[in-house]
Amino acid sequence: MAVGLSIQIEDAREVTIFRIDGRLDAASAPLLEKKLIEQIEGGKTKILLDFAKVNYLSSAGMRLLLSTTKKLKGDGKGFHLCSVSEEVMGIIKMAGFERIIQIFPTEQEALQGFSKNS
């Protein structure tokens, strides 16, 4: 496992939730990318990243968020973030990614967001 990051994956109906704990940076982004690709190739088309315990986001992490957003565009697909800390949200906003990635304050709102987009 990459240093500084742990990932738990669970299914909530048709949505796959990734609970991420730690730093999403150049060292840990490949681990998350591998797990995301496994889920997408396995037929998962709605993915939620729970960022409640993410305390750092680097440019490598940002690139991964952007590439995953592109992979999950289209009917019946979706990619959301939830529970993003102020510090990490500041990084996302600095890059202008809040206009590209769907971000919700809570997990419940994010799950409801998938229903609205289906």
PDB file of N, CA and C in Angstrom:
ATOM      1  N   MET A   1       0.844  -1.185   0.000  1.00  0.00           N
ATOM      2  CA  MET A   1       0.000   0.000   0.000  1.00  0.00           C
ATOM      3  C   MET A   1       0.888   1.246   0.000  1.00  0.00           C
ATOM      4  N   ALA A   2       0.456   2.277  -0.695  1.00  0.00           N
ATOM      5  CA  ALA A   2       1.214   3.524  -0.775  1.00  0.00           C
ATOM      6  C   ALA A   2       1.273   4.190   0.591  1.00  0.00           C
ATOM      7  N   VAL A   3       2.357   4.868   0.840  1.00  0.00           N
ATOM      8  CA  VAL A   3       2.543   5.555   2.108  1.00  0.00           C
ATOM      9  C   VAL A   3       1.541   6.698   2.230  1.00  0.00           C
ATOM     10  N   GLY A   4       0.899   6.786   3.391  1.00  0.00           N
ATOM     11  CA  GLY A   4       0.053   7.941   3.668  1.00  0.00           C
ATOM     12  C   GLY A   4      -1.354   7.896   3.118  1.00  0.00           C
ATOM     13  N   LEU A   5      -1.817   6.749   2.608  1.00  0.00           N
ATOM     14  CA  LEU A   5      -3.170   6.691   2.056  1.00  0.00           C
ATOM     15  C   LEU A   5      -3.773   5.317   2.304  1.00  0.00           C
ATOM     16  N   SER A   6      -5.020   5.316   2.786  1.00  0.00           N
ATOM     17  CA  SER A   6      -5.765   4.057   2.852  1.00  0.00           C
ATOM     18  C   SER A   6      -7.096   4.260   2.140  1.00  0.00           C
ATOM     19  N   ILE A   7      -7.596   3.181   1.545  1.00  0.00           N
ATOM     20  CA  ILE A   7      -8.822   3.247   0.745  1.00  0.00           C
ATOM     21  C   ILE A   7      -9.721   2.084   1.140  1.00  0.00           C
ATOM     22  N   GLN A   8     -10.975   2.404   1.448  1.00  0.00           N
ATOM     23  CA  GLN A   8     -11.997   1.380   1.665  1.00  0.00           C
ATOM     24  C   GLN A   8     -13.030   1.552   0.564  1.00  0.00           C
ATOM     25  N   ILE A   9     -13.466   0.448  -0.004  1.00  0.00           N
ATOM     26  CA  ILE A   9     -14.439   0.498  -1.099  1.00  0.00           C
ATOM     27  C   ILE A   9     -15.696  -0.238  -0.665  1.00  0.00           C
ATOM     28  N   GLU A  10     -16.847   0.403  -0.876  1.00  0.00           N
ATOM     29  CA  GLU A  10     -18.114  -0.254  -0.566  1.00  0.00           C
ATOM     30  C   GLU A  10     -19.160   0.134  -1.599  1.00  0.00           C
ATOM     31  N   ASP A  11     -20.155  -0.715  -1.737  1.00  0.00           N
ATOM     32  CA  ASP A  11     -21.244  -0.446  -2.672  1.00  0.00           C
ATOM     33  C   ASP A  11     -22.474   0.029  -1.916  1.00  0.00           C
ATOM     34  N   ALA A  12     -23.085   1.086  -2.419  1.00  0.00           N
ATOM     35  CA  ALA A  12     -24.352   1.605  -1.900  1.00  0.00           C
ATOM     36  C   ALA A  12     -25.314   1.612  -3.079  1.00  0.00           C
ATOM     37  N   ARG A  13     -26.036   0.527  -3.241  1.00  0.00           N
ATOM     38  CA  ARG A  13     -26.887   0.300  -4.413  1.00  0.00           C
ATOM     39  C   ARG A  13     -26.033   0.356  -5.673  1.00  0.00           C
ATOM     40  N   GLU A  14     -26.330   1.283  -6.587  1.00  0.00           N
ATOM     41  CA  GLU A  14     -25.578   1.312  -7.851  1.00  0.00           C
ATOM     42  C   GLU A  14     -24.325   2.182  -7.786  1.00  0.00           C
ATOM     43  N   VAL A  15     -24.048   2.783  -6.627  1.00  0.00           N
ATOM     44  CA  VAL A  15     -22.898   3.678  -6.477  1.00  0.00           C
ATOM     45  C   VAL A  15     -21.783   2.976  -5.701  1.00  0.00           C
ATOM     46  N   THR A  16     -20.560   3.095  -6.200  1.00  0.00           N
ATOM     47  CA  THR A  16     -19.389   2.571  -5.499  1.00  0.00           C
ATOM     48  C   THR A  16     -18.736   3.730  -4.755  1.00  0.00           C
ATOM     49  N   ILE A  17     -18.588   3.557  -3.437  1.00  0.00           N
ATOM     50  CA  ILE A  17     -18.028   4.615  -2.592  1.00  0.00           C
ATOM     51  C   ILE A  17     -16.598   4.252  -2.215  1.00  0.00           C
ATOM     52  N   PHE A  18     -15.691   5.191  -2.459  1.00  0.00           N
ATOM     53  CA  PHE A  18     -14.298   5.070  -2.038  1.00  0.00           C
ATOM     54  C   PHE A  18     -14.112   5.976  -0.824  1.00  0.00           C
ATOM     55  N   ARG A  19     -13.810   5.395   0.324  1.00  0.00           N
ATOM     56  CA  ARG A  19     -13.520   6.186   1.528  1.00  0.00           C
ATOM     57  C   ARG A  19     -11.998   6.301   1.616  1.00  0.00           C
ATOM     58  N   ILE A  20     -11.523   7.502   1.424  1.00  0.00           N
ATOM     59  CA  ILE A  20     -10.086   7.742   1.314  1.00  0.00           C
ATOM     60  C   ILE A  20      -9.603   8.434   2.581  1.00  0.00           C
ATOM     61  N   ASP A  21      -8.482   7.971   3.102  1.00  0.00           N
ATOM     62  CA  ASP A  21      -7.921   8.519   4.331  1.00  0.00           C
ATOM     63  C   ASP A  21      -6.437   8.816   4.100  1.00  0.00           C
ATOM     64  N   GLY A  22      -6.080  10.103   4.173  1.00  0.00           N
ATOM     65  CA  GLY A  22      -4.675  10.472   4.051  1.00  0.00           C
ATOM     66  C   GLY A  22      -4.397  11.469   2.949  1.00  0.00           C
ATOM     67  N   ARG A  23      -3.200  11.380   2.408  1.00  0.00           N
ATOM     68  CA  ARG A  23      -2.718  12.308   1.388  1.00  0.00           C
ATOM     69  C   ARG A  23      -2.902  11.720  -0.004  1.00  0.00           C
ATOM     70  N   LEU A  24      -3.467  12.522  -0.904  1.00  0.00           N
ATOM     71  CA  LEU A  24      -3.578  12.108  -2.308  1.00  0.00           C
ATOM     72  C   LEU A  24      -2.524  12.898  -3.078  1.00  0.00           C
ATOM     73  N   ASP A  25      -1.366  12.257  -3.286  1.00  0.00           N
ATOM     74  CA  ASP A  25      -0.229  12.931  -3.902  1.00  0.00           C
ATOM     75  C   ASP A  25       0.437  12.006  -4.917  1.00  0.00           C
ATOM     76  N   ALA A  26       1.616  12.388  -5.385  1.00  0.00           N
ATOM     77  CA  ALA A  26       2.305  11.614  -6.426  1.00  0.00           C
ATOM     78  C   ALA A  26       2.607  10.186  -5.978  1.00  0.00           C
ATOM     79  N   ALA A  27       2.849   9.992  -4.687  1.00  0.00           N
ATOM     80  CA  ALA A  27       3.154   8.648  -4.186  1.00  0.00           C
ATOM     81  C   ALA A  27       1.907   7.777  -4.078  1.00  0.00           C
ATOM     82  N   SER A  28       0.769   8.380  -3.747  1.00  0.00           N
ATOM     83  CA  SER A  28      -0.438   7.588  -3.489  1.00  0.00           C
ATOM     84  C   SER A  28      -1.437   7.568  -4.643  1.00  0.00           C
ATOM     85  N   ALA A  29      -1.375   8.535  -5.550  1.00  0.00           N
ATOM     86  CA  ALA A  29      -2.334   8.596  -6.661  1.00  0.00           C
ATOM     87  C   ALA A  29      -2.347   7.311  -7.503  1.00  0.00           C
ATOM     88  N   PRO A  30      -1.191   6.674  -7.778  1.00  0.00           N
ATOM     89  CA  PRO A  30      -1.235   5.435  -8.569  1.00  0.00           C
ATOM     90  C   PRO A  30      -2.052   4.319  -7.904  1.00  0.00           C
ATOM     91  N   LEU A  31      -2.027   4.242  -6.583  1.00  0.00           N
ATOM     92  CA  LEU A  31      -2.821   3.235  -5.875  1.00  0.00           C
ATOM     93  C   LEU A  31      -4.312   3.496  -6.077  1.00  0.00           C
ATOM     94  N   LEU A  32      -4.730   4.739  -5.890  1.00  0.00           N
ATOM     95  CA  LEU A  32      -6.139   5.075  -6.082  1.00  0.00           C
ATOM     96  C   LEU A  32      -6.539   4.871  -7.542  1.00  0.00           C
ATOM     97  N   GLU A  33      -5.667   5.272  -8.457  1.00  0.00           N
ATOM     98  CA  GLU A  33      -5.964   5.101  -9.884  1.00  0.00           C
ATOM     99  C   GLU A  33      -6.178   3.626 -10.224  1.00  0.00           C
ATOM    100  N   LYS A  34      -5.317   2.762  -9.712  1.00  0.00           N
ATOM    101  CA  LYS A  34      -5.433   1.319  -9.959  1.00  0.00           C
ATOM    102  C   LYS A  34      -6.783   0.805  -9.467  1.00  0.00           C
ATOM    103  N   LYS A  35      -7.184   1.218  -8.271  1.00  0.00           N
ATOM    104  CA  LYS A  35      -8.455   0.754  -7.702  1.00  0.00           C
ATOM    105  C   LYS A  35      -9.653   1.323  -8.466  1.00  0.00           C
ATOM    106  N   LEU A  36      -9.550   2.572  -8.910  1.00  0.00           N
ATOM    107  CA  LEU A  36     -10.625   3.159  -9.717  1.00  0.00           C
ATOM    108  C   LEU A  36     -10.772   2.414 -11.044  1.00  0.00           C
ATOM    109  N   ILE A  37      -9.652   2.157 -11.709  1.00  0.00           N
ATOM    110  CA  ILE A  37      -9.682   1.453 -12.997  1.00  0.00           C
ATOM    111  C   ILE A  37     -10.272   0.052 -12.830  1.00  0.00           C
ATOM    112  N   GLU A  38      -9.888  -0.640 -11.756  1.00  0.00           N
ATOM    113  CA  GLU A  38     -10.442  -1.977 -11.500  1.00  0.00           C
ATOM    114  C   GLU A  38     -11.969  -1.921 -11.414  1.00  0.00           C
ATOM    115  N   GLN A  39     -12.486  -0.927 -10.701  1.00  0.00           N
ATOM    116  CA  GLN A  39     -13.936  -0.802 -10.533  1.00  0.00           C
ATOM    117  C   GLN A  39     -14.614  -0.440 -11.857  1.00  0.00           C
ATOM    118  N   ILE A  40     -14.036   0.512 -12.584  1.00  0.00           N
ATOM    119  CA  ILE A  40     -14.626   0.950 -13.855  1.00  0.00           C
ATOM    120  C   ILE A  40     -14.613  -0.195 -14.868  1.00  0.00           C
ATOM    121  N   GLU A  41     -13.481  -0.896 -14.971  1.00  0.00           N
ATOM    122  CA  GLU A  41     -13.397  -2.031 -15.899  1.00  0.00           C
ATOM    123  C   GLU A  41     -14.307  -3.176 -15.472  1.00  0.00           C
ATOM    124  N   GLY A  42     -14.630  -3.229 -14.181  1.00  0.00           N
ATOM    125  CA  GLY A  42     -15.548  -4.238 -13.665  1.00  0.00           C
ATOM    126  C   GLY A  42     -17.010  -3.862 -13.855  1.00  0.00           C
ATOM    127  N   GLY A  43     -17.255  -2.727 -14.523  1.00  0.00           N
ATOM    128  CA  GLY A  43     -18.624  -2.333 -14.842  1.00  0.00           C
ATOM    129  C   GLY A  43     -19.234  -1.276 -13.943  1.00  0.00           C
ATOM    130  N   LYS A  44     -18.474  -0.770 -12.992  1.00  0.00           N
ATOM    131  CA  LYS A  44     -18.998   0.283 -12.115  1.00  0.00           C
ATOM    132  C   LYS A  44     -18.975   1.609 -12.874  1.00  0.00           C
ATOM    133  N   THR A  45     -20.115   2.288 -12.915  1.00  0.00           N
ATOM    134  CA  THR A  45     -20.200   3.532 -13.691  1.00  0.00           C
ATOM    135  C   THR A  45     -20.556   4.748 -12.847  1.00  0.00           C
ATOM    136  N   LYS A  46     -20.817   4.536 -11.557  1.00  0.00           N
ATOM    137  CA  LYS A  46     -21.112   5.652 -10.651  1.00  0.00           C
ATOM    138  C   LYS A  46     -20.196   5.525  -9.446  1.00  0.00           C
ATOM    139  N   ILE A  47     -19.288   6.494  -9.326  1.00  0.00           N
ATOM    140  CA  ILE A  47     -18.278   6.424  -8.273  1.00  0.00           C
ATOM    141  C   ILE A  47     -18.302   7.704  -7.449  1.00  0.00           C
ATOM    142  N   LEU A  48     -18.269   7.511  -6.130  1.00  0.00           N
ATOM    143  CA  LEU A  48     -18.233   8.617  -5.176  1.00  0.00           C
ATOM    144  C   LEU A  48     -16.955   8.510  -4.360  1.00  0.00           C
ATOM    145  N   LEU A  49     -16.177   9.583  -4.342  1.00  0.00           N
ATOM    146  CA  LEU A  49     -15.000   9.635  -3.480  1.00  0.00           C
ATOM    147  C   LEU A  49     -15.356  10.434  -2.239  1.00  0.00           C
ATOM    148  N   ASP A  50     -15.288   9.786  -1.085  1.00  0.00           N
ATOM    149  CA  ASP A  50     -15.526  10.447   0.198  1.00  0.00           C
ATOM    150  C   ASP A  50     -14.188  11.024   0.656  1.00  0.00           C
ATOM    151  N   PHE A  51     -14.100  12.348   0.630  1.00  0.00           N
ATOM    152  CA  PHE A  51     -12.855  13.046   0.955  1.00  0.00           C
ATOM    153  C   PHE A  51     -12.806  13.534   2.399  1.00  0.00           C
ATOM    154  N   ALA A  52     -13.677  13.035   3.275  1.00  0.00           N
ATOM    155  CA  ALA A  52     -13.744  13.519   4.657  1.00  0.00           C
ATOM    156  C   ALA A  52     -12.390  13.442   5.365  1.00  0.00           C
ATOM    157  N   LYS A  53     -11.582  12.436   5.032  1.00  0.00           N
ATOM    158  CA  LYS A  53     -10.302  12.251   5.720  1.00  0.00           C
ATOM    159  C   LYS A  53      -9.096  12.509   4.817  1.00  0.00           C
ATOM    160  N   VAL A  54      -9.333  13.166   3.685  1.00  0.00           N
ATOM    161  CA  VAL A  54      -8.212  13.545   2.812  1.00  0.00           C
ATOM    162  C   VAL A  54      -7.669  14.878   3.318  1.00  0.00           C
ATOM    163  N   ASN A  55      -6.400  14.887   3.702  1.00  0.00           N
ATOM    164  CA  ASN A  55      -5.826  16.105   4.278  1.00  0.00           C
ATOM    165  C   ASN A  55      -4.861  16.829   3.344  1.00  0.00           C
ATOM    166  N   TYR A  56      -4.626  16.267   2.162  1.00  0.00           N
ATOM    167  CA  TYR A  56      -3.721  16.915   1.210  1.00  0.00           C
ATOM    168  C   TYR A  56      -4.045  16.418  -0.194  1.00  0.00           C
ATOM    169  N   LEU A  57      -4.014  17.334  -1.156  1.00  0.00           N
ATOM    170  CA  LEU A  57      -4.265  16.997  -2.556  1.00  0.00           C
ATOM    171  C   LEU A  57      -3.212  17.693  -3.410  1.00  0.00           C
ATOM    172  N   SER A  58      -2.399  16.904  -4.117  1.00  0.00           N
ATOM    173  CA  SER A  58      -1.346  17.468  -4.972  1.00  0.00           C
ATOM    174  C   SER A  58      -1.821  17.536  -6.415  1.00  0.00           C
ATOM    175  N   SER A  59      -0.954  18.042  -7.285  1.00  0.00           N
ATOM    176  CA  SER A  59      -1.298  18.113  -8.708  1.00  0.00           C
ATOM    177  C   SER A  59      -1.504  16.714  -9.296  1.00  0.00           C
ATOM    178  N   ALA A  60      -0.788  15.719  -8.794  1.00  0.00           N
ATOM    179  CA  ALA A  60      -0.981  14.342  -9.273  1.00  0.00           C
ATOM    180  C   ALA A  60      -2.383  13.852  -8.907  1.00  0.00           C
ATOM    181  N   GLY A  61      -2.835  14.187  -7.723  1.00  0.00           N
ATOM    182  CA  GLY A  61      -4.190  13.836  -7.309  1.00  0.00           C
ATOM    183  C   GLY A  61      -5.231  14.560  -8.138  1.00  0.00           C
ATOM    184  N   MET A  62      -4.958  15.817  -8.450  1.00  0.00           N
ATOM    185  CA  MET A  62      -5.879  16.608  -9.274  1.00  0.00           C
ATOM    186  C   MET A  62      -6.004  15.994 -10.673  1.00  0.00           C
ATOM    187  N   ARG A  63      -4.878  15.596 -11.256  1.00  0.00           N
ATOM    188  CA  ARG A  63      -4.906  14.965 -12.585  1.00  0.00           C
ATOM    189  C   ARG A  63      -5.748  13.691 -12.563  1.00  0.00           C
ATOM    190  N   LEU A  64      -5.626  12.924 -11.489  1.00  0.00           N
ATOM    191  CA  LEU A  64      -6.407  11.694 -11.368  1.00  0.00           C
ATOM    192  C   LEU A  64      -7.903  12.014 -11.294  1.00  0.00           C
ATOM    193  N   LEU A  65      -8.271  13.047 -10.541  1.00  0.00           N
ATOM    194  CA  LEU A  65      -9.683  13.440 -10.455  1.00  0.00           C
ATOM    195  C   LEU A  65     -10.209  13.843 -11.828  1.00  0.00           C
ATOM    196  N   LEU A  66      -9.413  14.598 -12.560  1.00  0.00           N
ATOM    197  CA  LEU A  66      -9.830  15.056 -13.886  1.00  0.00           C
ATOM    198  C   LEU A  66      -9.974  13.884 -14.862  1.00  0.00           C
ATOM    199  N   SER A  67      -9.011  12.981 -14.873  1.00  0.00           N
ATOM    200  CA  SER A  67      -9.085  11.850 -15.811  1.00  0.00           C
ATOM    201  C   SER A  67     -10.258  10.930 -15.470  1.00  0.00           C
ATOM    202  N   THR A  68     -10.549  10.763 -14.189  1.00  0.00           N
ATOM    203  CA  THR A  68     -11.684   9.922 -13.791  1.00  0.00           C
ATOM    204  C   THR A  68     -12.995  10.584 -14.180  1.00  0.00           C
ATOM    205  N   THR A  69     -13.069  11.906 -14.036  1.00  0.00           N
ATOM    206  CA  THR A  69     -14.267  12.643 -14.450  1.00  0.00           C
ATOM    207  C   THR A  69     -14.532  12.402 -15.929  1.00  0.00           C
ATOM    208  N   LYS A  70     -13.484  12.455 -16.747  1.00  0.00           N
ATOM    209  CA  LYS A  70     -13.637  12.244 -18.191  1.00  0.00           C
ATOM    210  C   LYS A  70     -14.093  10.821 -18.505  1.00  0.00           C
ATOM    211  N   LYS A  71     -13.562   9.830 -17.766  1.00  0.00           N
ATOM    212  CA  LYS A  71     -13.940   8.433 -18.009  1.00  0.00           C
ATOM    213  C   LYS A  71     -15.399   8.169 -17.663  1.00  0.00           C
ATOM    214  N   LEU A  72     -15.928   8.917 -16.699  1.00  0.00           N
ATOM    215  CA  LEU A  72     -17.279   8.647 -16.212  1.00  0.00           C
ATOM    216  C   LEU A  72     -18.283   9.705 -16.652  1.00  0.00           C
ATOM    217  N   LYS A  73     -18.078  10.259 -17.833  1.00  0.00           N
ATOM    218  CA  LYS A  73     -19.046  11.195 -18.412  1.00  0.00           C
ATOM    219  C   LYS A  73     -20.018  10.410 -19.279  1.00  0.00           C
ATOM    220  N   GLY A  74     -21.261  10.862 -19.310  1.00  0.00           N
ATOM    221  CA  GLY A  74     -22.239  10.227 -20.190  1.00  0.00           C
ATOM    222  C   GLY A  74     -23.443   9.705 -19.440  1.00  0.00           C
ATOM    223  N   ASP A  75     -24.413   9.251 -20.195  1.00  0.00           N
ATOM    224  CA  ASP A  75     -25.659   8.743 -19.620  1.00  0.00           C
ATOM    225  C   ASP A  75     -25.401   7.546 -18.717  1.00  0.00           C
ATOM    226  N   GLY A  76     -26.023   7.579 -17.546  1.00  0.00           N
ATOM    227  CA  GLY A  76     -25.914   6.460 -16.622  1.00  0.00           C
ATOM    228  C   GLY A  76     -24.585   6.361 -15.909  1.00  0.00           C
ATOM    229  N   LYS A  77     -23.738   7.366 -16.083  1.00  0.00           N
ATOM    230  CA  LYS A  77     -22.427   7.374 -15.435  1.00  0.00           C
ATOM    231  C   LYS A  77     -22.332   8.587 -14.519  1.00  0.00           C
ATOM    232  N   GLY A  78     -21.358   8.569 -13.620  1.00  0.00           N
ATOM    233  CA  GLY A  78     -21.166   9.735 -12.775  1.00  0.00           C
ATOM    234  C   GLY A  78     -19.965   9.591 -11.867  1.00  0.00           C
ATOM    235  N   PHE A  79     -19.404  10.741 -11.492  1.00  0.00           N
ATOM    236  CA  PHE A  79     -18.251  10.803 -10.600  1.00  0.00           C
ATOM    237  C   PHE A  79     -18.440  12.006  -9.696  1.00  0.00           C
ATOM    238  N   HIS A  80     -18.552  11.761  -8.393  1.00  0.00           N
ATOM    239  CA  HIS A  80     -18.773  12.831  -7.428  1.00  0.00           C
ATOM    240  C   HIS A  80     -17.750  12.763  -6.300  1.00  0.00           C
ATOM    241  N   LEU A  81     -17.533  13.914  -5.680  1.00  0.00           N
ATOM    242  CA  LEU A  81     -16.763  14.003  -4.440  1.00  0.00           C
ATOM    243  C   LEU A  81     -17.709  14.473  -3.351  1.00  0.00           C
ATOM    244  N   CYS A  82     -17.413  14.090  -2.106  1.00  0.00           N
ATOM    245  CA  CYS A  82     -18.193  14.621  -0.990  1.00  0.00           C
ATOM    246  C   CYS A  82     -17.298  14.844   0.219  1.00  0.00           C
ATOM    247  N   SER A  83     -17.819  15.646   1.140  1.00  0.00           N
ATOM    248  CA  SER A  83     -17.177  15.885   2.435  1.00  0.00           C
ATOM    249  C   SER A  83     -15.740  16.386   2.290  1.00  0.00           C
ATOM    250  N   VAL A  84     -15.535  17.317   1.387  1.00  0.00           N
ATOM    251  CA  VAL A  84     -14.195  17.854   1.120  1.00  0.00           C
ATOM    252  C   VAL A  84     -13.871  18.927   2.156  1.00  0.00           C
ATOM    253  N   SER A  85     -12.698  18.835   2.774  1.00  0.00           N
ATOM    254  CA  SER A  85     -12.287  19.821   3.782  1.00  0.00           C
ATOM    255  C   SER A  85     -12.079  21.189   3.130  1.00  0.00           C
ATOM    256  N   GLU A  86     -12.115  22.229   3.953  1.00  0.00           N
ATOM    257  CA  GLU A  86     -11.895  23.588   3.437  1.00  0.00           C
ATOM    258  C   GLU A  86     -10.544  23.710   2.752  1.00  0.00           C
ATOM    259  N   GLU A  87      -9.531  23.126   3.366  1.00  0.00           N
ATOM    260  CA  GLU A  87      -8.171  23.219   2.822  1.00  0.00           C
ATOM    261  C   GLU A  87      -8.084  22.570   1.439  1.00  0.00           C
ATOM    262  N   VAL A  88      -8.610  21.359   1.312  1.00  0.00           N
ATOM    263  CA  VAL A  88      -8.568  20.653   0.030  1.00  0.00           C
ATOM    264  C   VAL A  88      -9.473  21.346  -0.985  1.00  0.00           C
ATOM    265  N   MET A  89     -10.625  21.848  -0.538  1.00  0.00           N
ATOM    266  CA  MET A  89     -11.528  22.573  -1.443  1.00  0.00           C
ATOM    267  C   MET A  89     -10.837  23.819  -1.985  1.00  0.00           C
ATOM    268  N   GLY A  90     -10.028  24.464  -1.171  1.00  0.00           N
ATOM    269  CA  GLY A  90      -9.270  25.625  -1.633  1.00  0.00           C
ATOM    270  C   GLY A  90      -8.349  25.268  -2.791  1.00  0.00           C
ATOM    271  N   ILE A  91      -7.714  24.103  -2.706  1.00  0.00           N
ATOM    272  CA  ILE A  91      -6.829  23.636  -3.779  1.00  0.00           C
ATOM    273  C   ILE A  91      -7.647  23.353  -5.042  1.00  0.00           C
ATOM    274  N   ILE A  92      -8.790  22.704  -4.869  1.00  0.00           N
ATOM    275  CA  ILE A  92      -9.661  22.382  -6.007  1.00  0.00           C
ATOM    276  C   ILE A  92     -10.140  23.664  -6.683  1.00  0.00           C
ATOM    277  N   LYS A  93     -10.538  24.647  -5.875  1.00  0.00           N
ATOM    278  CA  LYS A  93     -11.041  25.913  -6.432  1.00  0.00           C
ATOM    279  C   LYS A  93      -9.933  26.706  -7.115  1.00  0.00           C
ATOM    280  N   MET A  94      -8.724  26.645  -6.567  1.00  0.00           N
ATOM    281  CA  MET A  94      -7.603  27.362  -7.164  1.00  0.00           C
ATOM    282  C   MET A  94      -7.372  26.887  -8.602  1.00  0.00           C
ATOM    283  N   ALA A  95      -7.607  25.600  -8.836  1.00  0.00           N
ATOM    284  CA  ALA A  95      -7.435  25.025 -10.178  1.00  0.00           C
ATOM    285  C   ALA A  95      -8.688  25.175 -11.039  1.00  0.00           C
ATOM    286  N   GLY A  96      -9.788  25.630 -10.439  1.00  0.00           N
ATOM    287  CA  GLY A  96     -11.037  25.780 -11.177  1.00  0.00           C
ATOM    288  C   GLY A  96     -11.779  24.468 -11.387  1.00  0.00           C
ATOM    289  N   PHE A  97     -11.370  23.423 -10.675  1.00  0.00           N
ATOM    290  CA  PHE A  97     -11.967  22.101 -10.870  1.00  0.00           C
ATOM    291  C   PHE A  97     -13.364  21.980 -10.288  1.00  0.00           C
ATOM    292  N   GLU A  98     -13.776  22.918  -9.432  1.00  0.00           N
ATOM    293  CA  GLU A  98     -15.134  22.836  -8.870  1.00  0.00           C
ATOM    294  C   GLU A  98     -16.187  23.044  -9.952  1.00  0.00           C
ATOM    295  N   ARG A  99     -15.767  23.583 -11.099  1.00  0.00           N
ATOM    296  CA  ARG A  99     -16.691  23.758 -12.229  1.00  0.00           C
ATOM    297  C   ARG A  99     -16.765  22.495 -13.095  1.00  0.00           C
ATOM    298  N   ILE A 100     -15.832  21.585 -12.896  1.00  0.00           N
ATOM    299  CA  ILE A 100     -15.738  20.373 -13.715  1.00  0.00           C
ATOM    300  C   ILE A 100     -16.221  19.134 -12.955  1.00  0.00           C
ATOM    301  N   ILE A 101     -15.856  19.058 -11.679  1.00  0.00           N
ATOM    302  CA  ILE A 101     -16.167  17.895 -10.846  1.00  0.00           C
ATOM    303  C   ILE A 101     -17.364  18.218  -9.964  1.00  0.00           C
ATOM    304  N   GLN A 102     -18.310  17.301  -9.873  1.00  0.00           N
ATOM    305  CA  GLN A 102     -19.471  17.506  -9.004  1.00  0.00           C
ATOM    306  C   GLN A 102     -19.057  17.237  -7.561  1.00  0.00           C
ATOM    307  N   ILE A 103     -19.194  18.266  -6.714  1.00  0.00           N
ATOM    308  CA  ILE A 103     -18.779  18.177  -5.316  1.00  0.00           C
ATOM    309  C   ILE A 103     -19.978  18.481  -4.427  1.00  0.00           C
ATOM    310  N   PHE A 104     -20.202  17.615  -3.436  1.00  0.00           N
ATOM    311  CA  PHE A 104     -21.341  17.752  -2.533  1.00  0.00           C
ATOM    312  C   PHE A 104     -20.854  17.845  -1.089  1.00  0.00           C
ATOM    313  N   PRO A 105     -21.587  18.591  -0.253  1.00  0.00           N
ATOM    314  CA  PRO A 105     -21.184  18.736   1.152  1.00  0.00           C
ATOM    315  C   PRO A 105     -21.220  17.420   1.935  1.00  0.00           C
ATOM    316  N   THR A 106     -22.202  16.558   1.636  1.00  0.00           N
ATOM    317  CA  THR A 106     -22.361  15.313   2.392  1.00  0.00           C
ATOM    318  C   THR A 106     -22.490  14.113   1.457  1.00  0.00           C
ATOM    319  N   GLU A 107     -22.275  12.945   2.025  1.00  0.00           N
ATOM    320  CA  GLU A 107     -22.433  11.704   1.257  1.00  0.00           C
ATOM    321  C   GLU A 107     -23.876  11.550   0.788  1.00  0.00           C
ATOM    322  N   GLN A 108     -24.823  11.843   1.670  1.00  0.00           N
ATOM    323  CA  GLN A 108     -26.238  11.700   1.324  1.00  0.00           C
ATOM    324  C   GLN A 108     -26.600  12.566   0.115  1.00  0.00           C
ATOM    325  N   GLU A 109     -26.138  13.823   0.120  1.00  0.00           N
ATOM    326  CA  GLU A 109     -26.425  14.718  -1.009  1.00  0.00           C
ATOM    327  C   GLU A 109     -25.762  14.217  -2.293  1.00  0.00           C
ATOM    328  N   ALA A 110     -24.563  13.673  -2.165  1.00  0.00           N
ATOM    329  CA  ALA A 110     -23.866  13.138  -3.340  1.00  0.00           C
ATOM    330  C   ALA A 110     -24.620  11.943  -3.918  1.00  0.00           C
ATOM    331  N   LEU A 111     -25.094  11.057  -3.048  1.00  0.00           N
ATOM    332  CA  LEU A 111     -25.856   9.896  -3.517  1.00  0.00           C
ATOM    333  C   LEU A 111     -27.146  10.343  -4.193  1.00  0.00           C
ATOM    334  N   GLN A 112     -27.804  11.351  -3.643  1.00  0.00           N
ATOM    335  CA  GLN A 112     -29.015  11.892  -4.268  1.00  0.00           C
ATOM    336  C   GLN A 112     -28.682  12.525  -5.619  1.00  0.00           C
ATOM    337  N   GLY A 113     -27.500  13.129  -5.719  1.00  0.00           N
ATOM    338  CA  GLY A 113     -27.059  13.738  -6.975  1.00  0.00           C
ATOM    339  C   GLY A 113     -26.954  12.725  -8.104  1.00  0.00           C
ATOM    340  N   PHE A 114     -26.560  11.491  -7.783  1.00  0.00           N
ATOM    341  CA  PHE A 114     -26.513  10.447  -8.805  1.00  0.00           C
ATOM    342  C   PHE A 114     -27.909  10.143  -9.317  1.00  0.00           C
ATOM    343  N   SER A 115     -28.882  10.105  -8.421  1.00  0.00           N
ATOM    344  CA  SER A 115     -30.273   9.814  -8.816  1.00  0.00           C
ATOM    345  C   SER A 115     -30.796  10.870  -9.770  1.00  0.00           C
ATOM    346  N   LYS A 116     -30.454  12.124  -9.515  1.00  0.00           N
ATOM    347  CA  LYS A 116     -30.918  13.224 -10.364  1.00  0.00           C
ATOM    348  C   LYS A 116     -30.268  13.186 -11.737  1.00  0.00           C
ATOM    349  N   ASN A 117     -29.043  12.661 -11.808  1.00  0.00           N
ATOM    350  CA  ASN A 117     -28.310  12.638 -13.077  1.00  0.00           C
ATOM    351  C   ASN A 117     -28.566  11.378 -13.891  1.00  0.00           C
ATOM    352  N   SER A 118     -29.287  10.416 -13.337  1.00  0.00           N
ATOM    353  CA  SER A 118     -29.503   9.137 -14.044  1.00  0.00           C
ATOM    354  C   SER A 118     -30.567   9.259 -15.092  1.00  0.00           C
TER     355      SER A 118
END
